Protein backbone atom coordinates (compact mmCIF):
# COMPACT_ATOMS: atom_id res chain seq x y z
CA MET A 1 109.58 147.74 101.42
CA LYS A 2 106.61 145.71 102.77
CA PRO A 3 105.33 144.85 99.27
CA LEU A 4 108.85 143.70 98.28
CA VAL A 5 109.35 141.28 101.45
CA PHE A 6 105.73 140.18 101.02
CA ALA A 7 106.57 139.06 97.29
CA VAL A 8 109.80 137.43 98.35
CA GLY A 9 107.90 135.59 100.95
CA THR A 10 105.23 134.54 98.48
CA LEU A 11 107.95 133.42 95.96
CA THR A 12 109.74 131.45 98.72
CA SER A 13 106.50 129.85 99.88
CA GLY A 14 105.89 128.68 96.16
CA ILE A 15 109.24 127.36 95.69
CA ALA A 16 109.14 125.53 99.03
CA HIS A 17 105.88 123.81 98.04
CA GLU A 18 107.16 123.00 94.49
CA LEU A 19 109.89 121.01 96.11
CA ASN A 20 108.18 119.59 99.04
CA ASN A 21 105.45 117.88 96.86
CA PRO A 22 107.78 115.62 94.99
CA LEU A 23 109.93 115.12 98.33
CA ASN A 24 106.66 114.09 100.11
CA ASN A 25 105.73 111.81 97.33
CA ILE A 26 109.17 109.99 97.41
CA SER A 27 108.99 109.78 101.19
CA ILE A 28 105.51 108.06 101.06
CA THR A 29 106.61 105.81 98.24
CA LEU A 30 109.94 104.84 99.97
CA GLU A 31 108.20 104.47 103.43
CA ALA A 32 105.71 102.00 101.78
CA LEU A 33 108.34 100.11 100.42
CA MET A 34 110.31 99.76 103.74
CA GLU A 35 107.25 98.89 105.65
CA ASP A 36 106.17 96.11 103.57
CA PHE A 37 108.89 95.29 101.06
CA ALA A 38 108.32 91.42 100.75
CA GLY A 39 104.55 92.12 100.33
CA TYR A 40 105.13 93.82 96.90
CA THR A 41 105.59 91.91 93.67
CA ASP A 42 108.76 92.84 91.79
CA GLU A 43 106.59 94.53 89.29
CA GLN A 44 105.32 96.81 91.92
CA LYS A 45 108.32 97.66 93.47
CA LEU A 46 109.74 98.49 90.04
CA ARG A 47 106.71 100.88 89.44
CA MET A 48 107.22 102.43 92.82
CA LEU A 49 110.92 102.97 92.36
CA ASP A 50 109.97 104.33 88.84
CA GLU A 51 107.67 106.95 90.52
CA ALA A 52 110.31 107.96 93.04
CA TYR A 53 112.69 108.58 90.28
CA VAL A 54 110.15 110.58 88.19
CA GLN A 55 109.58 112.59 91.71
CA VAL A 56 113.33 113.23 91.82
CA GLU A 57 113.05 114.35 88.19
CA ARG A 58 110.19 116.83 88.86
CA ALA A 59 112.27 118.35 91.99
CA SER A 60 115.39 118.86 89.87
CA GLY A 61 113.21 120.28 86.91
CA THR A 62 111.97 122.81 89.71
CA VAL A 63 115.45 123.73 90.47
CA ARG A 64 116.47 124.09 86.80
CA ASN A 65 113.46 126.17 86.30
CA LEU A 66 114.84 128.33 89.25
CA LEU A 67 118.16 128.56 87.78
CA ASP A 68 116.94 129.13 84.24
CA PHE A 69 114.96 132.14 85.70
CA THR A 70 118.20 133.77 86.94
CA ARG A 71 119.93 133.53 83.65
CA LYS A 72 120.02 136.43 81.16
CA GLU A 73 119.61 134.38 78.01
CA HIS A 74 116.28 134.22 76.21
CA PRO A 75 114.54 130.93 76.44
CA VAL A 76 114.23 128.71 73.42
CA PHE A 77 110.80 127.14 72.85
CA VAL A 78 110.89 123.51 71.23
CA SER A 79 108.11 121.31 70.08
CA THR A 80 107.48 118.62 72.74
CA PRO A 81 105.67 115.30 72.31
CA VAL A 82 102.36 115.04 74.46
CA ARG A 83 103.54 111.68 75.71
CA LYS A 84 106.24 113.28 77.39
CA ILE A 85 103.81 115.14 79.46
CA VAL A 86 101.15 112.71 79.86
CA GLU A 87 103.30 109.70 81.02
CA PRO A 88 104.57 111.21 84.23
CA ALA A 89 101.06 112.19 85.21
CA VAL A 90 99.72 108.68 84.60
CA ARG A 91 102.58 107.24 86.63
CA LEU A 92 101.66 109.42 89.52
CA VAL A 93 97.98 108.52 89.38
CA GLN A 94 99.05 104.84 89.20
CA ASN A 95 101.32 105.35 92.21
CA GLU A 96 98.70 107.06 94.22
CA MET A 97 96.01 104.31 93.38
CA ILE A 98 98.66 101.60 94.76
CA LEU A 99 99.32 103.53 97.88
CA ALA A 100 95.47 104.12 98.51
CA GLU A 101 95.10 100.24 97.56
CA ILE A 102 92.58 101.28 94.77
CA PRO A 103 92.40 98.48 92.29
CA GLU A 104 92.80 98.96 88.82
CA GLU A 105 89.50 98.44 86.85
CA GLU A 106 90.19 96.12 83.86
CA GLU A 107 88.33 98.56 81.27
CA HIS A 108 90.61 101.44 82.38
CA LYS A 109 94.04 99.52 82.21
CA GLN A 110 94.62 100.61 78.77
CA TYR A 111 94.94 104.25 79.84
CA PHE A 112 97.53 103.29 82.49
CA VAL A 113 99.88 101.09 80.83
CA MET A 114 102.55 102.89 79.04
CA GLU A 115 105.32 101.50 76.66
CA ARG A 116 108.67 102.49 76.78
């Protein structure tokens, strides 16, 4: 019985970690907005709110994956545009740079600006 309890504990820990990371990112972003709302430009506020939304989607994705895991249906694999995977990662890096007050270097801006 001990290996089963250990496995369930490991699984639970992983799930908690996967949910806590986006929740922590949302918390940090919203805390920064609340502390200095007037100090951010409208563009910065929108980027930060967008990042919070991305993190909500990330947590929702974790929950969806857990629910999918319990279904008896077979998964269907579909082609996914690379942009759909890369854009959230870029937004996360941008938000972390803002929160850490790291200036964007002019020559790197081309990699961070995403078109919608």
